């Protein structure tokens, strides 16, 4: 995966205790993306996702389209790929 793009995104808003992580996991099944989604003690949800740039962009776009009503703000940064083996919820 030499062309792997990787991003870390913090989502703020009504993103905990509403099934946000499970919905992100469900969205991930439509894309070749790998990584984790987890709640943070700050009330934010952290997403670390990687894959081919087009797959990653499509995945993030679907999150915005389907869950945007729960998100009040997000902060994204590029990351070095960790080469996850799957996409899962981290507890």
N, C-alpha and C. Protein backbone atom coordinates (compact mmCIF):
# COMPACT_ATOMS: atom_id res chain seq x y z
N UNK A 1 0.84 -1.20 0.00
CA UNK A 1 0.00 0.00 0.00
C UNK A 1 0.87 1.24 0.00
N UNK A 2 1.58 1.46 -1.05
CA UNK A 2 2.48 2.61 -1.10
C UNK A 2 1.74 3.92 -1.27
N UNK A 3 0.54 3.89 -1.85
CA UNK A 3 -0.22 5.12 -2.04
C UNK A 3 -1.25 5.33 -0.93
N UNK A 4 -0.97 4.81 0.24
CA UNK A 4 -1.92 4.89 1.35
C UNK A 4 -1.93 6.29 1.95
N UNK A 5 -3.13 6.85 2.05
CA UNK A 5 -3.33 8.12 2.74
C UNK A 5 -3.86 7.81 4.13
N UNK A 6 -3.52 8.63 5.10
CA UNK A 6 -3.96 8.40 6.47
C UNK A 6 -4.36 9.72 7.11
N UNK A 7 -5.50 9.71 7.81
CA UNK A 7 -5.99 10.92 8.47
C UNK A 7 -6.46 10.58 9.88
N UNK A 8 -6.29 11.57 10.76
CA UNK A 8 -6.88 11.51 12.10
C UNK A 8 -7.87 12.65 12.17
N UNK A 9 -9.09 12.34 12.57
CA UNK A 9 -10.14 13.35 12.64
C UNK A 9 -10.79 13.29 14.02
N UNK A 10 -10.93 14.45 14.63
CA UNK A 10 -11.67 14.57 15.88
C UNK A 10 -13.01 15.19 15.56
N UNK A 11 -14.07 14.50 15.95
CA UNK A 11 -15.43 15.01 15.75
C UNK A 11 -15.98 15.50 17.08
N UNK A 12 -16.59 16.68 17.04
CA UNK A 12 -17.23 17.26 18.22
C UNK A 12 -18.72 17.44 17.93
N UNK A 13 -19.49 17.49 18.98
CA UNK A 13 -20.93 17.68 18.84
C UNK A 13 -21.66 16.62 19.62
N UNK A 14 -22.79 16.20 19.10
CA UNK A 14 -23.58 15.14 19.74
C UNK A 14 -23.11 13.80 19.15
N UNK A 15 -21.87 13.42 19.48
CA UNK A 15 -21.24 12.27 18.84
C UNK A 15 -21.03 11.07 19.76
N UNK A 16 -21.41 11.21 21.04
CA UNK A 16 -21.31 10.07 21.95
C UNK A 16 -22.70 9.71 22.45
N UNK A 17 -22.89 8.41 22.68
CA UNK A 17 -24.17 7.86 23.18
C UNK A 17 -25.31 8.02 22.18
N UNK A 18 -24.97 8.05 20.89
CA UNK A 18 -26.00 8.15 19.85
C UNK A 18 -25.77 7.13 18.73
N UNK A 19 -24.84 6.19 18.93
CA UNK A 19 -24.55 5.19 17.91
C UNK A 19 -23.61 5.69 16.83
N UNK A 20 -22.93 6.78 17.08
CA UNK A 20 -22.05 7.38 16.07
C UNK A 20 -20.98 6.39 15.61
N UNK A 21 -20.29 5.75 16.54
CA UNK A 21 -19.19 4.83 16.17
C UNK A 21 -19.72 3.64 15.37
N UNK A 22 -20.87 3.11 15.78
CA UNK A 22 -21.44 1.96 15.04
C UNK A 22 -21.84 2.37 13.63
N UNK A 23 -22.31 3.58 13.47
CA UNK A 23 -22.69 4.05 12.15
C UNK A 23 -21.46 4.29 11.28
N UNK A 24 -20.38 4.80 11.89
CA UNK A 24 -19.12 4.96 11.15
C UNK A 24 -18.61 3.59 10.71
N UNK A 25 -18.68 2.60 11.60
CA UNK A 25 -18.26 1.24 11.26
C UNK A 25 -19.09 0.70 10.10
N UNK A 26 -20.39 0.91 10.13
CA UNK A 26 -21.26 0.46 9.04
C UNK A 26 -20.89 1.14 7.72
N UNK A 27 -20.62 2.43 7.76
CA UNK A 27 -20.22 3.17 6.55
C UNK A 27 -18.92 2.60 6.01
N UNK A 28 -18.01 2.22 6.89
CA UNK A 28 -16.69 1.73 6.46
C UNK A 28 -16.79 0.47 5.60
N UNK A 29 -17.85 -0.31 5.76
CA UNK A 29 -17.97 -1.56 5.00
C UNK A 29 -18.11 -1.32 3.50
N UNK A 30 -18.48 -0.10 3.11
CA UNK A 30 -18.62 0.23 1.70
C UNK A 30 -17.34 0.73 1.06
N UNK A 31 -16.26 0.76 1.82
CA UNK A 31 -15.00 1.31 1.33
C UNK A 31 -13.83 0.44 1.77
N UNK A 32 -12.75 0.50 1.02
CA UNK A 32 -11.52 -0.20 1.40
C UNK A 32 -10.71 0.74 2.27
N UNK A 33 -11.15 0.87 3.53
CA UNK A 33 -10.47 1.71 4.51
C UNK A 33 -10.16 0.87 5.74
N UNK A 34 -9.17 1.31 6.46
CA UNK A 34 -8.69 0.58 7.63
C UNK A 34 -8.45 1.58 8.74
N UNK A 35 -8.61 1.15 9.99
CA UNK A 35 -8.34 2.06 11.10
C UNK A 35 -9.23 1.80 12.28
N UNK A 36 -9.44 2.86 13.07
CA UNK A 36 -10.23 2.76 14.30
C UNK A 36 -11.12 3.97 14.46
N UNK A 37 -12.17 3.78 15.25
CA UNK A 37 -13.00 4.89 15.71
C UNK A 37 -13.24 4.64 17.19
N UNK A 38 -13.10 5.70 18.01
CA UNK A 38 -13.27 5.51 19.45
C UNK A 38 -13.71 6.80 20.12
N UNK A 39 -14.38 6.63 21.27
CA UNK A 39 -14.76 7.77 22.10
C UNK A 39 -13.54 8.23 22.88
N UNK A 40 -13.46 9.54 23.10
CA UNK A 40 -12.43 10.11 23.96
C UNK A 40 -13.09 10.65 25.22
N UNK A 41 -12.34 10.74 26.29
CA UNK A 41 -12.89 11.24 27.55
C UNK A 41 -13.31 12.70 27.47
N UNK A 42 -12.87 13.41 26.43
CA UNK A 42 -13.22 14.82 26.23
C UNK A 42 -14.63 15.00 25.65
N UNK A 43 -15.28 13.89 25.28
CA UNK A 43 -16.60 13.97 24.65
C UNK A 43 -16.52 13.95 23.14
N UNK A 44 -15.31 13.91 22.61
CA UNK A 44 -15.11 13.84 21.16
C UNK A 44 -15.04 12.38 20.72
N UNK A 45 -15.16 12.19 19.41
CA UNK A 45 -14.90 10.88 18.80
C UNK A 45 -13.68 11.03 17.91
N UNK A 46 -12.73 10.12 18.07
CA UNK A 46 -11.52 10.11 17.27
C UNK A 46 -11.64 9.04 16.19
N UNK A 47 -11.32 9.43 14.97
CA UNK A 47 -11.28 8.51 13.83
C UNK A 47 -9.87 8.55 13.26
N UNK A 48 -9.26 7.39 13.14
CA UNK A 48 -7.99 7.26 12.43
C UNK A 48 -8.29 6.30 11.29
N UNK A 49 -8.18 6.79 10.06
CA UNK A 49 -8.54 5.97 8.90
C UNK A 49 -7.50 6.12 7.81
N UNK A 50 -7.30 5.03 7.09
CA UNK A 50 -6.33 5.05 6.01
C UNK A 50 -6.79 4.15 4.88
N UNK A 51 -6.25 4.44 3.71
CA UNK A 51 -6.57 3.70 2.51
C UNK A 51 -6.14 4.52 1.30
N UNK A 52 -6.46 4.02 0.12
CA UNK A 52 -6.18 4.79 -1.08
C UNK A 52 -6.93 6.12 -0.97
N UNK A 53 -6.35 7.18 -1.49
CA UNK A 53 -6.90 8.51 -1.32
C UNK A 53 -8.38 8.60 -1.72
N UNK A 54 -8.74 8.04 -2.86
CA UNK A 54 -10.14 8.09 -3.30
C UNK A 54 -11.09 7.37 -2.36
N UNK A 55 -10.67 6.22 -1.86
CA UNK A 55 -11.48 5.45 -0.90
C UNK A 55 -11.64 6.24 0.39
N UNK A 56 -10.55 6.80 0.88
CA UNK A 56 -10.59 7.56 2.13
C UNK A 56 -11.47 8.79 1.99
N UNK A 57 -11.33 9.52 0.90
CA UNK A 57 -12.16 10.70 0.68
C UNK A 57 -13.64 10.34 0.58
N UNK A 58 -13.95 9.24 -0.12
CA UNK A 58 -15.34 8.80 -0.22
C UNK A 58 -15.92 8.43 1.12
N UNK A 59 -15.14 7.73 1.93
CA UNK A 59 -15.56 7.33 3.28
C UNK A 59 -15.85 8.55 4.14
N UNK A 60 -14.95 9.51 4.15
CA UNK A 60 -15.14 10.71 4.95
C UNK A 60 -16.33 11.54 4.46
N UNK A 61 -16.54 11.56 3.16
CA UNK A 61 -17.69 12.28 2.61
C UNK A 61 -19.00 11.64 3.07
N UNK A 62 -19.04 10.30 3.08
CA UNK A 62 -20.25 9.61 3.54
C UNK A 62 -20.52 9.86 5.02
N UNK A 63 -19.46 9.91 5.83
CA UNK A 63 -19.64 10.24 7.24
C UNK A 63 -20.27 11.61 7.36
N UNK A 64 -19.76 12.58 6.63
CA UNK A 64 -20.31 13.94 6.67
C UNK A 64 -21.76 13.97 6.22
N UNK A 65 -22.07 13.25 5.14
CA UNK A 65 -23.43 13.26 4.61
C UNK A 65 -24.41 12.57 5.55
N UNK A 66 -24.02 11.44 6.13
CA UNK A 66 -24.95 10.67 6.94
C UNK A 66 -25.00 11.10 8.40
N UNK A 67 -23.90 11.65 8.91
CA UNK A 67 -23.82 11.98 10.33
C UNK A 67 -23.57 13.46 10.61
N UNK A 68 -23.56 14.26 9.56
CA UNK A 68 -23.27 15.68 9.71
C UNK A 68 -24.18 16.40 10.67
N UNK A 69 -25.43 15.94 10.80
CA UNK A 69 -26.36 16.58 11.72
C UNK A 69 -25.96 16.40 13.18
N UNK A 70 -25.06 15.46 13.47
CA UNK A 70 -24.58 15.23 14.83
C UNK A 70 -23.25 15.94 15.11
N UNK A 71 -22.59 16.38 14.05
CA UNK A 71 -21.24 16.95 14.16
C UNK A 71 -21.33 18.47 14.18
N UNK A 72 -20.78 19.08 15.23
CA UNK A 72 -20.75 20.54 15.28
C UNK A 72 -19.42 21.09 14.77
N UNK A 73 -18.36 20.28 14.89
CA UNK A 73 -17.04 20.69 14.42
C UNK A 73 -16.18 19.45 14.22
N UNK A 74 -15.19 19.58 13.36
CA UNK A 74 -14.23 18.50 13.19
C UNK A 74 -12.87 19.10 12.89
N UNK A 75 -11.86 18.36 13.27
CA UNK A 75 -10.48 18.79 13.06
C UNK A 75 -9.73 17.62 12.45
N UNK A 76 -9.15 17.82 11.27
CA UNK A 76 -8.47 16.74 10.56
C UNK A 76 -6.98 17.04 10.42
N UNK A 77 -6.20 16.00 10.45
CA UNK A 77 -4.77 16.12 10.20
C UNK A 77 -4.29 14.88 9.46
N UNK A 78 -3.33 15.09 8.57
CA UNK A 78 -2.71 13.96 7.88
C UNK A 78 -1.80 13.24 8.86
N UNK A 79 -1.73 11.93 8.70
CA UNK A 79 -0.90 11.10 9.57
C UNK A 79 -0.04 10.17 8.72
N UNK A 80 0.98 9.64 9.33
CA UNK A 80 1.76 8.59 8.68
C UNK A 80 0.96 7.29 8.81
N UNK A 81 0.88 6.54 7.74
CA UNK A 81 0.09 5.30 7.74
C UNK A 81 0.63 4.31 8.75
N UNK A 82 -0.29 3.66 9.46
CA UNK A 82 0.05 2.63 10.43
C UNK A 82 -0.22 1.24 9.87
N UNK A 83 -0.87 1.18 8.71
CA UNK A 83 -1.19 -0.08 8.03
C UNK A 83 -2.02 -1.02 8.90
N UNK A 84 -3.18 -0.50 9.34
CA UNK A 84 -4.15 -1.31 10.07
C UNK A 84 -4.58 -2.49 9.20
N UNK A 85 -5.01 -3.55 9.84
CA UNK A 85 -5.46 -4.75 9.12
C UNK A 85 -6.96 -4.76 8.87
N UNK A 86 -7.71 -3.92 9.59
CA UNK A 86 -9.16 -3.87 9.45
C UNK A 86 -9.64 -2.50 9.92
N UNK A 87 -10.95 -2.35 9.96
CA UNK A 87 -11.54 -1.15 10.54
C UNK A 87 -12.42 -1.61 11.69
N UNK A 88 -12.25 -1.02 12.87
CA UNK A 88 -13.02 -1.47 14.01
C UNK A 88 -13.22 -0.35 15.04
N UNK A 89 -14.16 -0.61 15.93
CA UNK A 89 -14.39 0.27 17.07
C UNK A 89 -13.41 -0.14 18.15
N UNK A 90 -12.70 0.84 18.68
CA UNK A 90 -11.80 0.57 19.79
C UNK A 90 -12.48 1.02 21.07
N UNK A 91 -12.56 0.13 22.02
CA UNK A 91 -13.24 0.44 23.29
C UNK A 91 -12.23 0.76 24.37
